[in-house]
PDB file of N, CA and C in Angstrom:
ATOM      1  N   MET A   1       8.797  -6.419  -2.907  1.00  0.00           N
ATOM      2  CA  MET A   1       9.263  -6.120  -3.867  1.00  0.00           C
ATOM      3  C   MET A   1      10.213  -5.635  -4.348  1.00  0.00           C
ATOM      4  N   ASN A   2      10.389  -4.729  -3.262  1.00  0.00           N
ATOM      5  CA  ASN A   2      10.799  -3.497  -3.900  1.00  0.00           C
ATOM      6  C   ASN A   2      12.848  -3.347  -2.598  1.00  0.00           C
ATOM      7  N   ALA A   3      12.327  -3.850  -2.017  1.00  0.00           N
ATOM      8  CA  ALA A   3      14.098  -4.144  -1.158  1.00  0.00           C
ATOM      9  C   ALA A   3      15.225  -4.430  -1.164  1.00  0.00           C
ATOM     10  N   GLN A   4      15.077  -4.815  -3.155  1.00  0.00           N
ATOM     11  CA  GLN A   4      16.143  -5.372  -3.525  1.00  0.00           C
ATOM     12  C   GLN A   4      17.022  -4.493  -4.211  1.00  0.00           C
ATOM     13  N   PHE A   5      16.205  -2.970  -4.297  1.00  0.00           N
ATOM     14  CA  PHE A   5      16.491  -2.174  -4.868  1.00  0.00           C
ATOM     15  C   PHE A   5      16.828  -1.243  -3.858  1.00  0.00           C
ATOM     16  N   LEU A   6      16.945  -1.218  -2.295  1.00  0.00           N
ATOM     17  CA  LEU A   6      17.062  -0.443  -0.816  1.00  0.00           C
ATOM     18  C   LEU A   6      18.340  -0.528  -0.521  1.00  0.00           C
ATOM     19  N   SER A   7      18.705  -1.987  -0.559  1.00  0.00           N
ATOM     20  CA  SER A   7      19.950  -2.978  -0.114  1.00  0.00           C
ATOM     21  C   SER A   7      20.144  -4.089  -0.577  1.00  0.00           C
ATOM     22  N   ASP A   8      21.500  -3.975  -1.325  1.00  0.00           N
ATOM     23  CA  ASP A   8      22.691  -4.949  -2.009  1.00  0.00           C
ATOM     24  C   ASP A   8      21.912  -6.256  -1.610  1.00  0.00           C
ATOM     25  N   TRP A   9      22.033  -6.349   0.396  1.00  0.00           N
ATOM     26  CA  TRP A   9      21.586  -7.842   1.527  1.00  0.00           C
ATOM     27  C   TRP A   9      20.466  -7.841   0.127  1.00  0.00           C
ATOM     28  N   TRP A  10      19.337  -7.203   0.311  1.00  0.00           N
ATOM     29  CA  TRP A  10      17.905  -8.092  -0.153  1.00  0.00           C
ATOM     30  C   TRP A  10      18.252  -8.631  -1.968  1.00  0.00           C
ATOM     31  N   LYS A  11      19.205  -8.275  -2.793  1.00  0.00           N
ATOM     32  CA  LYS A  11      19.277  -9.008  -4.004  1.00  0.00           C
ATOM     33  C   LYS A  11      19.324 -10.488  -4.112  1.00  0.00           C
ATOM     34  N   GLY A  12      18.533 -10.637  -4.212  1.00  0.00           N
ATOM     35  CA  GLY A  12      19.087 -12.272  -4.898  1.00  0.00           C
ATOM     36  C   GLY A  12      18.324 -14.026  -3.943  1.00  0.00           C
ATOM     37  N   LYS A  13      17.556 -12.949  -2.665  1.00  0.00           N
ATOM     38  CA  LYS A  13      17.022 -13.255  -1.729  1.00  0.00           C
ATOM     39  C   LYS A  13      14.945 -13.289  -1.459  1.00  0.00           C
ATOM     40  N   PRO A  14      14.914 -13.792  -2.784  1.00  0.00           N
ATOM     41  CA  PRO A  14      13.671 -13.741  -2.743  1.00  0.00           C
ATOM     42  C   PRO A  14      12.814 -13.943  -1.308  1.00  0.00           C
ATOM     43  N   PHE A  15      13.281 -15.882  -0.624  1.00  0.00           N
ATOM     44  CA  PHE A  15      12.384 -16.564  -0.304  1.00  0.00           C
ATOM     45  C   PHE A  15      12.434 -15.611   0.897  1.00  0.00           C
ATOM     46  N   VAL A  16      14.192 -15.343   1.576  1.00  0.00           N
ATOM     47  CA  VAL A  16      14.022 -14.794   2.780  1.00  0.00           C
ATOM     48  C   VAL A  16      13.842 -13.906   2.754  1.00  0.00           C
ATOM     49  N   SER A  17      13.171 -12.672   2.048  1.00  0.00           N
ATOM     50  CA  SER A  17      12.243 -12.177   1.583  1.00  0.00           C
ATOM     51  C   SER A  17      10.099 -12.121   1.617  1.00  0.00           C
ATOM     52  N   ALA A  18       9.989 -13.265   1.318  1.00  0.00           N
ATOM     53  CA  ALA A  18       9.205 -13.665   0.859  1.00  0.00           C
ATOM     54  C   ALA A  18       8.706 -14.388   2.882  1.00  0.00           C
ATOM     55  N   VAL A  19       9.540 -14.219   3.152  1.00  0.00           N
ATOM     56  CA  VAL A  19       9.525 -15.326   5.220  1.00  0.00           C
ATOM     57  C   VAL A  19       9.417 -14.329   5.605  1.00  0.00           C
ATOM     58  N   LEU A  20      10.206 -13.015   5.977  1.00  0.00           N
ATOM     59  CA  LEU A  20      10.721 -11.999   6.747  1.00  0.00           C
ATOM     60  C   LEU A  20       9.849 -10.582   6.520  1.00  0.00           C
ATOM     61  N   ILE A  21       8.929 -10.762   4.785  1.00  0.00           N
ATOM     62  CA  ILE A  21       8.646  -9.233   5.488  1.00  0.00           C
ATOM     63  C   ILE A  21       6.827  -9.973   4.640  1.00  0.00           C
ATOM     64  N   GLY A  22       7.030 -11.117   4.140  1.00  0.00           N
ATOM     65  CA  GLY A  22       5.359 -11.980   3.199  1.00  0.00           C
ATOM     66  C   GLY A  22       4.266 -12.362   5.228  1.00  0.00           C
ATOM     67  N   LEU A  23       5.100 -12.753   5.297  1.00  0.00           N
ATOM     68  CA  LEU A  23       4.227 -13.607   6.509  1.00  0.00           C
ATOM     69  C   LEU A  23       3.420 -12.208   7.072  1.00  0.00           C
ATOM     70  N   PRO A  24       4.341 -11.603   8.017  1.00  0.00           N
ATOM     71  CA  PRO A  24       3.732 -10.464   9.121  1.00  0.00           C
ATOM     72  C   PRO A  24       3.350  -9.640   8.637  1.00  0.00           C
ATOM     73  N   THR A  25       3.147  -8.788   7.273  1.00  0.00           N
ATOM     74  CA  THR A  25       2.405  -8.115   6.159  1.00  0.00           C
ATOM     75  C   THR A  25       0.823  -9.366   5.572  1.00  0.00           C
ATOM     76  N   SER A  26       0.683 -10.493   5.581  1.00  0.00           N
ATOM     77  CA  SER A  26      -0.022 -11.243   5.399  1.00  0.00           C
ATOM     78  C   SER A  26      -1.453 -11.276   6.407  1.00  0.00           C
ATOM     79  N   ILE A  27      -0.778 -11.594   7.425  1.00  0.00           N
ATOM     80  CA  ILE A  27      -1.301 -11.313   9.043  1.00  0.00           C
ATOM     81  C   ILE A  27      -1.847  -9.519   9.637  1.00  0.00           C
ATOM     82  N   ALA A  28      -0.951  -9.156   9.236  1.00  0.00           N
ATOM     83  CA  ALA A  28      -1.323  -7.809   9.391  1.00  0.00           C
ATOM     84  C   ALA A  28      -3.014  -7.885   8.398  1.00  0.00           C
ATOM     85  N   PHE A  29      -2.423  -7.866   7.082  1.00  0.00           N
ATOM     86  CA  PHE A  29      -3.372  -7.463   6.043  1.00  0.00           C
ATOM     87  C   PHE A  29      -4.654  -8.002   6.417  1.00  0.00           C
ATOM     88  N   TRP A  30      -4.835  -9.483   7.294  1.00  0.00           N
ATOM     89  CA  TRP A  30      -5.870 -10.155   7.495  1.00  0.00           C
ATOM     90  C   TRP A  30      -6.581 -10.081   8.841  1.00  0.00           C
ATOM     91  N   TYR A  31      -6.005  -9.007   9.607  1.00  0.00           N
ATOM     92  CA  TYR A  31      -6.392  -8.058  10.688  1.00  0.00           C
ATOM     93  C   TYR A  31      -7.069  -6.700  10.328  1.00  0.00           C
ATOM     94  N   ALA A  32      -6.866  -5.782   9.175  1.00  0.00           N
ATOM     95  CA  ALA A  32      -7.142  -5.017   8.944  1.00  0.00           C
ATOM     96  C   ALA A  32      -8.908  -5.147   7.409  1.00  0.00           C
ATOM     97  N   TRP A  33      -8.477  -5.727   7.253  1.00  0.00           N
ATOM     98  CA  TRP A  33     -10.181  -6.434   6.401  1.00  0.00           C
ATOM     99  C   TRP A  33     -10.546  -6.491   6.658  1.00  0.00           C
ATOM    100  N   LYS A  34     -11.124  -7.285   7.748  1.00  0.00           N
ATOM    101  CA  LYS A  34     -11.194  -7.868   9.150  1.00  0.00           C
ATOM    102  C   LYS A  34     -12.283  -6.494   9.653  1.00  0.00           C
ATOM    103  N   MET A  35     -10.827  -5.455  10.063  1.00  0.00           N
ATOM    104  CA  MET A  35     -12.013  -4.706  10.819  1.00  0.00           C
ATOM    105  C   MET A  35     -11.928  -3.647  10.420  1.00  0.00           C
ATOM    106  N   ILE A  36     -11.426  -3.286   8.763  1.00  0.00           N
ATOM    107  CA  ILE A  36     -12.444  -2.577   8.649  1.00  0.00           C
ATOM    108  C   ILE A  36     -13.225  -2.854   8.149  1.00  0.00           C
ATOM    109  N   ALA A  37     -14.032  -4.499   7.016  1.00  0.00           N
ATOM    110  CA  ALA A  37     -14.997  -4.777   6.614  1.00  0.00           C
ATOM    111  C   ALA A  37     -16.182  -4.646   7.588  1.00  0.00           C
ATOM    112  N   ASP A  38     -15.508  -5.114   9.458  1.00  0.00           N
ATOM    113  CA  ASP A  38     -16.648  -5.202  10.397  1.00  0.00           C
ATOM    114  C   ASP A  38     -17.585  -3.687  10.766  1.00  0.00           C
ATOM    115  N   GLU A  39     -16.368  -2.532  10.546  1.00  0.00           N
ATOM    116  CA  GLU A  39     -16.466  -1.697  10.781  1.00  0.00           C
ATOM    117  C   GLU A  39     -17.526  -0.677   9.913  1.00  0.00           C
ATOM    118  N   THR A  40     -17.389  -0.572   7.837  1.00  0.00           N
ATOM    119  CA  THR A  40     -17.907  -0.847   7.980  1.00  0.00           C
ATOM    120  C   THR A  40     -18.993  -1.193   7.355  1.00  0.00           C
ATOM    121  N   GLY A  41     -19.269  -2.053   7.245  1.00  0.00           N
ATOM    122  CA  GLY A  41     -20.332  -3.075   7.035  1.00  0.00           C
ATOM    123  C   GLY A  41     -20.453  -3.690   6.052  1.00  0.00           C
ATOM    124  N   SER A  42     -18.914  -4.122   4.563  1.00  0.00           N
ATOM    125  CA  SER A  42     -18.669  -4.141   3.947  1.00  0.00           C
ATOM    126  C   SER A  42     -17.698  -4.304   3.353  1.00  0.00           C
ATOM    127  N   VAL A  43     -18.103  -5.074   2.464  1.00  0.00           N
ATOM    128  CA  VAL A  43     -15.945  -5.781   1.310  1.00  0.00           C
ATOM    129  C   VAL A  43     -15.503  -4.778   0.856  1.00  0.00           C
ATOM    130  N   TRP A  44     -16.845  -4.298   0.072  1.00  0.00           N
ATOM    131  CA  TRP A  44     -16.703  -3.730  -0.180  1.00  0.00           C
ATOM    132  C   TRP A  44     -15.229  -2.730  -0.789  1.00  0.00           C
ATOM    133  N   SER A  45     -15.964  -1.711   1.208  1.00  0.00           N
ATOM    134  CA  SER A  45     -15.373  -0.734   1.209  1.00  0.00           C
ATOM    135  C   SER A  45     -14.080  -0.956   1.791  1.00  0.00           C
ATOM    136  N   ALA A  46     -14.163  -1.942   2.504  1.00  0.00           N
ATOM    137  CA  ALA A  46     -13.117  -2.447   2.577  1.00  0.00           C
ATOM    138  C   ALA A  46     -11.807  -3.522   1.317  1.00  0.00           C
ATOM    139  N   ARG A  47     -12.461  -3.293  -0.057  1.00  0.00           N
ATOM    140  CA  ARG A  47     -11.248  -2.855  -1.246  1.00  0.00           C
ATOM    141  C   ARG A  47     -10.733  -1.720  -1.618  1.00  0.00           C
ATOM    142  N   PHE A  48     -11.755  -1.241  -1.570  1.00  0.00           N
ATOM    143  CA  PHE A  48     -11.639   0.478  -1.718  1.00  0.00           C
ATOM    144  C   PHE A  48     -10.384   1.170  -0.731  1.00  0.00           C
ATOM    145  N   ILE A  49     -10.403   0.765   0.753  1.00  0.00           N
ATOM    146  CA  ILE A  49      -9.722   1.496   1.479  1.00  0.00           C
ATOM    147  C   ILE A  49      -8.476   0.827   1.736  1.00  0.00           C
ATOM    148  N   GLY A  50      -8.276  -0.833   1.032  1.00  0.00           N
ATOM    149  CA  GLY A  50      -7.282  -0.932   1.340  1.00  0.00           C
ATOM    150  C   GLY A  50      -5.827  -0.867   0.164  1.00  0.00           C
ATOM    151  N   SER A  51      -7.237  -0.935  -1.536  1.00  0.00           N
ATOM    152  CA  SER A  51      -6.209  -0.707  -2.925  1.00  0.00           C
ATOM    153  C   SER A  51      -5.491   1.250  -2.262  1.00  0.00           C
ATOM    154  N   SER A  52      -6.423   1.993  -2.253  1.00  0.00           N
ATOM    155  CA  SER A  52      -6.147   3.483  -1.802  1.00  0.00           C
ATOM    156  C   SER A  52      -5.179   4.024  -1.178  1.00  0.00           C
ATOM    157  N   THR A  53      -4.960   2.401  -0.034  1.00  0.00           N
ATOM    158  CA  THR A  53      -3.945   2.743   1.158  1.00  0.00           C
ATOM    159  C   THR A  53      -2.443   2.295   0.136  1.00  0.00           C
ATOM    160  N   GLY A  54      -2.926   1.330  -0.640  1.00  0.00           N
ATOM    161  CA  GLY A  54      -1.516   1.015  -1.026  1.00  0.00           C
ATOM    162  C   GLY A  54      -1.065   2.441  -1.968  1.00  0.00           C
ATOM    163  N   LEU A  55      -2.157   2.642  -3.001  1.00  0.00           N
ATOM    164  CA  LEU A  55      -1.794   4.261  -4.330  1.00  0.00           C
ATOM    165  C   LEU A  55      -1.206   5.006  -3.545  1.00  0.00           C
ATOM    166  N   ILE A  56      -2.040   5.197  -2.056  1.00  0.00           N
ATOM    167  CA  ILE A  56      -1.375   6.716  -1.582  1.00  0.00           C
ATOM    168  C   ILE A  56       0.308   6.314  -1.254  1.00  0.00           C
ATOM    169  N   LEU A  57       0.312   5.631  -0.340  1.00  0.00           N
ATOM    170  CA  LEU A  57       1.574   5.734   0.880  1.00  0.00           C
ATOM    171  C   LEU A  57       3.178   4.318  -0.567  1.00  0.00           C
ATOM    172  N   PHE A  58       1.993   3.992  -1.670  1.00  0.00           N
ATOM    173  CA  PHE A  58       3.530   4.153  -2.973  1.00  0.00           C
ATOM    174  C   PHE A  58       4.047   5.109  -3.010  1.00  0.00           C
ATOM    175  N   PRO A  59       4.131   5.926  -3.859  1.00  0.00           N
ATOM    176  CA  PRO A  59       4.378   6.962  -4.577  1.00  0.00           C
ATOM    177  C   PRO A  59       5.055   7.101  -3.397  1.00  0.00           C
ATOM    178  N   ILE A  60       4.666   7.742  -1.574  1.00  0.00           N
ATOM    179  CA  ILE A  60       5.329   8.658  -1.432  1.00  0.00           C
ATOM    180  C   ILE A  60       6.980   7.795  -0.512  1.00  0.00           C
ATOM    181  N   LEU A  61       6.649   6.281  -0.824  1.00  0.00           N
ATOM    182  CA  LEU A  61       7.807   5.964  -0.320  1.00  0.00           C
ATOM    183  C   LEU A  61       8.488   5.514  -1.215  1.00  0.00           C
ATOM    184  N   THR A  62       8.107   5.475  -2.616  1.00  0.00           N
ATOM    185  CA  THR A  62       9.391   5.510  -3.621  1.00  0.00           C
ATOM    186  C   THR A  62      10.040   7.018  -3.395  1.00  0.00           C
ATOM    187  N   TRP A  63       9.360   7.310  -3.326  1.00  0.00           N
ATOM    188  CA  TRP A  63      10.041   8.926  -3.367  1.00  0.00           C
ATOM    189  C   TRP A  63      10.784   8.918  -2.355  1.00  0.00           C
ATOM    190  N   CYS A  64      10.865   9.343  -0.809  1.00  0.00           N
ATOM    191  CA  CYS A  64      11.551   9.188   0.192  1.00  0.00           C
ATOM    192  C   CYS A  64      12.331   7.579  -0.234  1.00  0.00           C
ATOM    193  N   LEU A  65      12.631   6.570  -0.146  1.00  0.00           N
ATOM    194  CA  LEU A  65      13.220   5.721  -0.093  1.00  0.00           C
ATOM    195  C   LEU A  65      14.475   5.537  -1.323  1.00  0.00           C
ATOM    196  N   LEU A  66      13.424   5.731  -2.371  1.00  0.00           N
ATOM    197  CA  LEU A  66      14.080   5.161  -3.732  1.00  0.00           C
ATOM    198  C   LEU A  66      15.175   6.431  -4.251  1.00  0.00           C
ATOM    199  N   GLY A  67      14.136   8.027  -3.708  1.00  0.00           N
ATOM    200  CA  GLY A  67      14.573   8.708  -4.750  1.00  0.00           C
ATOM    201  C   GLY A  67      13.979   9.535  -6.229  1.00  0.00           C
ATOM    202  N   GLU A  68      12.607   8.557  -6.129  1.00  0.00           N
ATOM    203  CA  GLU A  68      11.837   8.577  -7.108  1.00  0.00           C
ATOM    204  C   GLU A  68      10.998   9.916  -7.372  1.00  0.00           C
ATOM    205  N   SER A  69      10.783  10.346  -8.720  1.00  0.00           N
ATOM    206  CA  SER A  69       9.792  11.751  -7.864  1.00  0.00           C
ATOM    207  C   SER A  69       8.482  11.591  -8.038  1.00  0.00           C
ATOM    208  N   MET A  70       7.531  11.466  -6.984  1.00  0.00           N
ATOM    209  CA  MET A  70       5.489  11.723  -6.961  1.00  0.00           C
ATOM    210  C   MET A  70       5.521  12.919  -8.157  1.00  0.00           C
ATOM    211  N   PHE A  71       6.105  13.241  -8.411  1.00  0.00           N
ATOM    212  CA  PHE A  71       5.549  15.055  -8.908  1.00  0.00           C
ATOM    213  C   PHE A  71       5.153  14.750 -10.567  1.00  0.00           C
ATOM    214  N   THR A  72       4.712  13.517 -11.082  1.00  0.00           N
ATOM    215  CA  THR A  72       4.702  14.200 -12.727  1.00  0.00           C
ATOM    216  C   THR A  72       2.667  14.203 -12.661  1.00  0.00           C
ATOM    217  N   ALA A  73       2.731  14.329 -13.730  1.00  0.00           N
ATOM    218  CA  ALA A  73       0.706  14.220 -13.311  1.00  0.00           C
ATOM    219  C   ALA A  73       0.324  13.334 -13.427  1.00  0.00           C
ATOM    220  N   LYS A  74       0.471  12.228 -13.809  1.00  0.00           N
ATOM    221  CA  LYS A  74      -0.279  11.478 -14.398  1.00  0.00           C
ATOM    222  C   LYS A  74       0.288  10.754 -12.685  1.00  0.00           C
ATOM    223  N   THR A  75       1.498  10.540 -11.962  1.00  0.00           N
ATOM    224  CA  THR A  75       1.684   9.905 -10.560  1.00  0.00           C
ATOM    225  C   THR A  75       0.408  11.052  -9.236  1.00  0.00           C
ATOM    226  N   MET A  76       0.229  11.907  -9.447  1.00  0.00           N
ATOM    227  CA  MET A  76      -0.040  12.750  -9.014  1.00  0.00           C
ATOM    228  C   MET A  76      -1.614  12.813  -8.532  1.00  0.00           C
ATOM    229  N   ILE A  77      -2.530  12.476 -10.563  1.00  0.00           N
ATOM    230  CA  ILE A  77      -3.414  12.329 -10.077  1.00  0.00           C
ATOM    231  C   ILE A  77      -4.187  11.815 -10.075  1.00  0.00           C
ATOM    232  N   CYS A  78      -3.672  10.717 -10.168  1.00  0.00           N
ATOM    233  CA  CYS A  78      -3.738   9.134  -9.900  1.00  0.00           C
ATOM    234  C   CYS A  78      -3.636   8.648  -7.905  1.00  0.00           C
ATOM    235  N   PHE A  79      -2.815   9.437  -7.328  1.00  0.00           N
ATOM    236  CA  PHE A  79      -2.573   9.548  -5.580  1.00  0.00           C
ATOM    237  C   PHE A  79      -3.893  10.462  -5.489  1.00  0.00           C
ATOM    238  N   PHE A  80      -4.037  11.624  -6.353  1.00  0.00           N
ATOM    239  CA  PHE A  80      -4.856  12.538  -6.081  1.00  0.00           C
ATOM    240  C   PHE A  80      -6.557  11.600  -5.983  1.00  0.00           C
ATOM    241  N   LEU A  81      -6.766  10.829  -6.513  1.00  0.00           N
ATOM    242  CA  LEU A  81      -8.066   9.839  -7.092  1.00  0.00           C
ATOM    243  C   LEU A  81      -7.428   8.764  -5.930  1.00  0.00           C
ATOM    244  N   ALA A  82      -7.133   8.488  -5.758  1.00  0.00           N
ATOM    245  CA  ALA A  82      -7.190   7.617  -4.489  1.00  0.00           C
ATOM    246  C   ALA A  82      -7.358   8.459  -3.502  1.00  0.00           C
ATOM    247  N   VAL A  83      -6.878   9.282  -2.644  1.00  0.00           N
ATOM    248  CA  VAL A  83      -7.471  10.071  -1.273  1.00  0.00           C
ATOM    249  C   VAL A  83      -8.720  10.546  -1.915  1.00  0.00           C
ATOM    250  N   LEU A  84      -8.738  11.234  -2.965  1.00  0.00           N
ATOM    251  CA  LEU A  84     -10.769  10.833  -3.025  1.00  0.00           C
ATOM    252  C   LEU A  84     -11.449   9.440  -3.308  1.00  0.00           C
ATOM    253  N   ILE A  85     -10.919   9.089  -3.614  1.00  0.00           N
ATOM    254  CA  ILE A  85     -11.188   7.348  -2.793  1.00  0.00           C
ATOM    255  C   ILE A  85     -11.729   7.230  -1.382  1.00  0.00           C
ATOM    256  N   MET A  86     -11.057   7.148  -1.353  1.00  0.00           N
ATOM    257  CA  MET A  86     -10.823   7.355   0.572  1.00  0.00           C
ATOM    258  C   MET A  86     -11.378   7.673   1.566  1.00  0.00           C
ATOM    259  N   ILE A  87     -11.209   9.550   1.238  1.00  0.00           N
ATOM    260  CA  ILE A  87     -12.168  10.145   1.691  1.00  0.00           C
ATOM    261  C   ILE A  87     -13.853   9.929   1.855  1.00  0.00           C
ATOM    262  N   ILE A  88     -13.992   9.112   0.380  1.00  0.00           N
ATOM    263  CA  ILE A  88     -15.312   8.884  -0.413  1.00  0.00           C
ATOM    264  C   ILE A  88     -15.981   7.272   0.492  1.00  0.00           C
ATOM    265  N   GLN A  89     -14.536   6.811   0.692  1.00  0.00           N
ATOM    266  CA  GLN A  89     -15.234   5.637   1.480  1.00  0.00           C
ATOM    267  C   GLN A  89     -15.822   5.275   3.116  1.00  0.00           C
ATOM    268  N   ILE A  90     -14.291   6.568   3.816  1.00  0.00           N
ATOM    269  CA  ILE A  90     -14.191   6.574   4.469  1.00  0.00           C
ATOM    270  C   ILE A  90     -15.589   8.050   5.695  1.00  0.00           C
ATOM    271  N   PHE A  91     -16.312   8.858   4.591  1.00  0.00           N
ATOM    272  CA  PHE A  91     -17.394  10.002   5.424  1.00  0.00           C
ATOM    273  C   PHE A  91     -18.809   9.669   4.336  1.00  0.00           C
ATOM    274  N   TRP A  92     -18.742   9.041   3.226  1.00  0.00           N
ATOM    275  CA  TRP A  92     -19.757   8.992   3.586  1.00  0.00           C
ATOM    276  C   TRP A  92     -20.707   7.792   3.600  1.00  0.00           C
TER     277      TRP A  92
END
């Protein structure tokens, strides 16, 4: 969805981006979900880890690739809550 903001080439090509990015991502997501659920014995853990991973990576990538600051109070609080959720799911 954000590739259109990284390069003019991606603008107006939703089908191309869905196929080129969406298919490999969906397959990787399926295998990652299976491995996490098998390892933890809980699909709830897989859900929390998957959501937290996205909430941790998104601010970092938008900061690095799009130049949007992640250093606002709201974003940093959400970022640290996602890190806390990840730590709870992995180590508890």
